[in-house]
Amino acid sequence: MSNTINSGGDLSYLFGAGSSTKSSSLYDYLGDYAALKNGSSYKLYKAYYAQEEKAEKGEKNSISTTEKNAYNTVKSAAEDLSSAVDKLSSAALFQKGSFQKTGSDGSKTDAEYDYDKIYSAVSDFVDSYNSLVKNGSSESLSSLNDVTVRMLKNTKTNSALLDSVGISVGKDGTLSINKDRFYSADMTSVKSLFSGAGSFADSTASRAGIMKNAAANKLSTSKVYNAEGISDKSSADNSNFSAIV
């Protein structure tokens, strides 16, 4: 068998020209080398892994429709609680004057504070507080659980003072107000609990603000998926939701 080289100097057989094994030819090796040398392979790999990281980030920043509704509920309850605290902080609410307070039996007696108005404001606080605690404790909203726990601890710390004005703290941390006991309470104690910087209501409002901001941030930086794993297109029309993908 002869191994004579083509006298015309044709070296194409070395580079796989016309060969069925082109994938292992010198042409391919030289091509890979050139790609590595000019950086195109690196750019390709970098772009590929960037897409992988981007996709992974999108998955981490996704929430279900159920979670979206839960975060919205917390956000709304936190806003209601903040509004209730603002009303309690009004200087006019605790001004002395000539008023009448209405008992649970409908009877009216003279009072130097507007008990009916103050009771209404405190009742709004209790309702908003209970709504926020119940929804903030949800297992599906683990990012808010820590703040909720701190709110409950603060309430427990003030439980004796709350009880002295007719507000009881339940085993689940929620509040309940007894109208008769509240109306017989020292109104200066009520004011110290619910009005002014550093009061129970003020510290509670601060935690409510943290929960509101956390919920709003979660909603604005997460893509929403329904139970079937399909993107909730309705969120795209809501300015509160901007998907990061």
Protein backbone atom coordinates (compact mmCIF):
# COMPACT_ATOMS: atom_id res chain seq x y z
CA MET A 1 0.00 0.00 0.00
CA SER A 2 1.37 3.37 -1.00
CA ASN A 3 1.39 6.45 1.25
CA THR A 4 2.48 8.77 -1.53
CA ILE A 5 1.51 12.41 -0.95
CA ASN A 6 -0.34 14.12 -3.75
CA SER A 7 2.26 15.70 -5.97
CA GLY A 8 0.08 18.77 -6.38
CA GLY A 9 0.58 19.59 -2.71
CA ASP A 10 -3.13 19.11 -1.86
CA LEU A 11 -3.25 18.79 1.92
CA SER A 12 -7.04 19.01 2.24
CA TYR A 13 -7.23 15.43 3.52
CA LEU A 14 -5.48 16.64 6.69
CA PHE A 15 -8.32 19.07 7.40
CA GLY A 16 -11.19 16.69 6.80
CA ALA A 17 -12.30 18.00 3.42
CA GLY A 18 -14.66 15.48 1.89
CA SER A 19 -14.39 13.23 4.96
CA SER A 20 -17.36 11.75 6.87
CA THR A 21 -15.43 12.24 10.12
CA LYS A 22 -15.26 15.99 9.88
CA SER A 23 -16.17 16.44 13.58
CA SER A 24 -12.79 15.11 14.58
CA SER A 25 -10.86 16.81 11.82
CA LEU A 26 -8.11 19.34 12.28
CA TYR A 27 -10.51 21.99 10.99
CA ASP A 28 -12.64 21.55 14.11
CA TYR A 29 -9.67 21.62 16.47
CA LEU A 30 -8.40 24.79 14.86
CA GLY A 31 -11.90 26.30 15.04
CA ASP A 32 -12.17 25.56 18.77
CA TYR A 33 -8.73 27.03 19.33
CA ALA A 34 -9.67 30.19 17.43
CA ALA A 35 -12.91 30.55 19.45
CA LEU A 36 -11.02 30.25 22.70
CA LYS A 37 -8.35 32.67 21.53
CA ASN A 38 -10.72 35.44 20.44
CA GLY A 39 -12.99 35.01 23.47
CA SER A 40 -16.17 34.12 21.62
CA SER A 41 -16.55 30.85 23.56
CA TYR A 42 -16.20 32.68 26.86
CA LYS A 43 -18.84 35.18 25.77
CA LEU A 44 -21.15 32.35 24.76
CA TYR A 45 -20.71 30.52 28.08
CA LYS A 46 -21.17 33.75 30.01
CA ALA A 47 -24.39 34.56 28.18
CA TYR A 48 -25.69 31.04 28.75
CA TYR A 49 -25.08 31.06 32.50
CA ALA A 50 -26.45 34.58 32.76
CA GLN A 51 -29.71 33.28 31.32
CA GLU A 52 -29.68 30.38 33.78
CA GLU A 53 -29.15 32.75 36.70
CA LYS A 54 -31.83 35.04 35.38
CA ALA A 55 -34.33 32.19 35.13
CA GLU A 56 -33.44 30.98 38.62
CA LYS A 57 -33.91 34.48 40.01
CA GLY A 58 -37.30 34.68 38.37
CA GLU A 59 -38.38 31.46 40.08
CA LYS A 60 -37.24 32.71 43.48
CA ASN A 61 -39.14 35.97 43.00
CA SER A 62 -42.43 34.32 42.12
CA ILE A 63 -45.47 34.05 44.38
CA SER A 64 -48.83 32.36 43.96
CA THR A 65 -52.12 34.19 43.57
CA THR A 66 -53.02 33.03 47.08
CA GLU A 67 -49.85 34.61 48.48
CA LYS A 68 -50.53 37.81 46.53
CA ASN A 69 -53.97 38.07 48.11
CA ALA A 70 -52.51 37.37 51.57
CA TYR A 71 -49.88 40.10 51.18
CA ASN A 72 -52.55 42.52 49.99
CA THR A 73 -54.67 41.70 53.05
CA VAL A 74 -51.73 42.34 55.39
CA LYS A 75 -50.90 45.59 53.62
CA SER A 76 -54.51 46.77 53.93
CA ALA A 77 -54.73 45.76 57.63
CA ALA A 78 -51.45 47.58 58.36
CA GLU A 79 -52.77 50.71 56.68
CA ASP A 80 -56.01 50.50 58.68
CA LEU A 81 -54.06 50.11 61.92
CA SER A 82 -51.88 53.12 61.12
CA SER A 83 -55.01 55.18 60.42
CA ALA A 84 -56.54 54.05 63.74
CA VAL A 85 -53.40 55.13 65.60
CA ASP A 86 -53.45 58.51 63.84
CA LYS A 87 -56.99 59.09 65.12
CA LEU A 88 -55.96 58.12 68.64
CA SER A 89 -53.03 60.51 68.45
CA SER A 90 -55.30 63.50 67.86
CA ALA A 91 -54.92 65.98 70.72
CA ALA A 92 -58.59 66.90 70.43
CA LEU A 93 -59.68 63.34 71.22
CA PHE A 94 -58.55 63.52 74.84
CA GLN A 95 -59.48 67.11 75.58
CA LYS A 96 -61.55 67.60 78.71
CA GLY A 97 -64.99 69.11 78.47
CA SER A 98 -68.62 68.50 79.29
CA PHE A 99 -69.72 65.20 77.80
CA GLN A 100 -72.03 62.28 78.41
CA LYS A 101 -71.06 58.63 78.14
CA THR A 102 -73.49 55.92 77.13
CA GLY A 103 -73.47 52.68 79.11
CA SER A 104 -74.12 49.23 77.65
CA ASP A 105 -77.72 49.50 78.93
CA GLY A 106 -78.22 52.78 77.07
CA SER A 107 -78.05 54.95 80.17
CA LYS A 108 -76.15 58.24 79.99
CA THR A 109 -73.97 59.83 82.63
CA ASP A 110 -71.93 63.02 82.75
CA ALA A 111 -68.21 62.74 81.94
CA GLU A 112 -65.27 65.09 81.44
CA TYR A 113 -64.01 63.07 78.46
CA ASP A 114 -65.83 62.05 75.30
CA TYR A 115 -65.87 58.34 76.21
CA ASP A 116 -68.10 57.38 73.29
CA LYS A 117 -65.72 58.88 70.74
CA ILE A 118 -62.62 57.52 72.46
CA TYR A 119 -64.17 54.06 72.79
CA SER A 120 -65.00 54.07 69.07
CA ALA A 121 -61.41 55.01 68.16
CA VAL A 122 -59.91 52.34 70.45
CA SER A 123 -62.35 49.72 69.08
CA ASP A 124 -61.16 50.53 65.54
CA PHE A 125 -57.59 50.03 66.73
CA VAL A 126 -58.48 46.65 68.29
CA ASP A 127 -60.21 45.44 65.11
CA SER A 128 -57.35 46.52 62.83
CA TYR A 129 -54.75 45.08 65.20
CA ASN A 130 -56.52 41.70 65.31
CA SER A 131 -56.78 41.57 61.52
CA LEU A 132 -53.07 42.33 61.11
CA VAL A 133 -51.99 39.77 63.74
CA LYS A 134 -54.14 37.00 62.27
CA ASN A 135 -52.99 37.59 58.69
CA GLY A 136 -49.37 38.36 59.59
CA SER A 137 -49.13 35.01 61.39
CA SER A 138 -49.99 33.05 58.24
CA GLU A 139 -47.53 30.25 57.46
CA SER A 140 -47.55 31.29 53.80
CA LEU A 141 -46.12 34.70 54.74
CA SER A 142 -43.01 33.57 56.57
CA SER A 143 -41.22 36.83 55.73
CA LEU A 144 -43.66 38.69 57.99
CA ASN A 145 -43.82 36.21 60.87
CA ASP A 146 -40.84 37.68 62.74
CA VAL A 147 -42.33 41.18 62.83
CA THR A 148 -45.69 39.74 63.91
CA VAL A 149 -44.01 37.89 66.78
CA ARG A 150 -42.33 41.12 67.92
CA MET A 151 -45.69 42.86 67.83
CA LEU A 152 -47.23 40.11 69.96
CA LYS A 153 -44.37 40.31 72.47
CA ASN A 154 -44.86 44.06 72.78
CA THR A 155 -48.56 43.51 73.42
CA LYS A 156 -47.82 40.91 76.08
CA THR A 157 -45.45 43.35 77.78
CA ASN A 158 -48.30 45.86 78.00
CA SER A 159 -51.00 43.30 78.86
CA ALA A 160 -51.39 44.47 82.50
CA LEU A 161 -51.89 48.09 81.44
CA LEU A 162 -54.30 47.06 78.71
CA ASP A 163 -56.28 44.97 81.16
CA SER A 164 -56.57 47.94 83.52
CA VAL A 165 -58.59 49.79 80.86
CA GLY A 166 -60.77 46.83 79.93
CA ILE A 167 -58.74 45.34 77.07
CA SER A 168 -57.85 41.67 77.34
CA VAL A 169 -55.11 39.81 75.46
CA GLY A 170 -56.15 36.36 74.21
CA LYS A 171 -53.98 33.26 74.00
CA ASP A 172 -53.55 33.90 70.27
CA GLY A 173 -52.41 37.46 70.95
CA THR A 174 -55.59 39.13 69.72
CA LEU A 175 -57.34 41.85 71.72
CA SER A 176 -60.89 42.17 73.03
CA ILE A 177 -62.42 45.24 74.63
CA ASN A 178 -65.09 45.29 77.36
CA LYS A 179 -67.17 48.45 77.05
CA ASP A 180 -68.32 48.66 80.69
CA ARG A 181 -64.79 48.18 82.04
CA PHE A 182 -63.41 50.66 79.51
CA TYR A 183 -65.96 53.31 80.52
CA SER A 184 -65.01 52.91 84.17
CA ALA A 185 -61.26 53.14 83.45
CA ASP A 186 -59.00 56.07 84.23
CA MET A 187 -58.88 57.99 80.96
CA THR A 188 -55.34 59.22 81.61
CA SER A 189 -54.25 55.55 81.48
CA VAL A 190 -56.06 55.12 78.18
CA LYS A 191 -54.32 58.21 76.82
CA SER A 192 -50.87 56.98 77.92
CA LEU A 193 -51.47 53.66 76.15
CA PHE A 194 -52.85 54.99 72.88
CA SER A 195 -51.54 58.50 72.36
CA GLY A 196 -48.10 60.02 71.98
CA ALA A 197 -44.59 58.95 71.01
CA GLY A 198 -43.43 55.76 72.72
CA SER A 199 -46.96 54.66 73.63
CA PHE A 200 -48.21 51.13 73.05
CA ALA A 201 -50.17 52.31 70.03
CA ASP A 202 -47.15 54.17 68.63
CA SER A 203 -44.82 51.17 68.88
CA THR A 204 -47.52 48.97 67.37
CA ALA A 205 -47.92 51.39 64.47
CA SER A 206 -44.16 51.27 63.85
CA ARG A 207 -44.30 47.49 63.45
CA ALA A 208 -47.38 47.80 61.29
CA GLY A 209 -45.41 50.16 59.04
CA ILE A 210 -42.63 47.59 58.72
CA MET A 211 -45.16 44.91 57.76
CA LYS A 212 -46.84 47.21 55.26
CA ASN A 213 -43.54 48.05 53.55
CA ALA A 214 -42.43 44.41 53.53
CA ALA A 215 -45.72 43.31 51.96
CA ALA A 216 -45.63 46.12 49.40
CA ASN A 217 -42.03 45.28 48.50
CA LYS A 218 -42.85 41.60 48.08
CA LEU A 219 -45.77 42.43 45.82
CA SER A 220 -43.79 44.88 43.68
CA THR A 221 -40.79 42.59 43.13
CA SER A 222 -42.51 39.26 42.55
CA LYS A 223 -44.07 37.64 39.54
CA VAL A 224 -47.47 36.17 40.35
CA TYR A 225 -48.52 32.64 39.40
CA ASN A 226 -51.89 31.01 39.85
CA ALA A 227 -52.53 27.42 41.03
CA GLU A 228 -51.81 26.07 37.54
CA GLY A 229 -48.40 27.77 37.47
CA ILE A 230 -49.53 30.28 34.84
CA SER A 231 -48.51 33.89 35.17
CA ASP A 232 -51.31 36.03 36.52
CA LYS A 233 -51.63 38.52 33.66
CA SER A 234 -53.95 40.73 35.66
CA SER A 235 -51.01 41.80 37.80
CA ALA A 236 -49.37 43.34 34.75
CA ASP A 237 -52.20 45.88 34.64
CA ASN A 238 -51.74 46.81 38.29
CA SER A 239 -49.12 49.46 39.02
CA ASN A 240 -48.43 47.78 42.41
CA PHE A 241 -47.00 44.73 40.71
CA SER A 242 -43.90 44.82 38.50
CA ALA A 243 -42.48 41.43 37.69
CA ILE A 244 -38.74 40.94 37.85
CA VAL A 245 -37.72 38.13 35.50
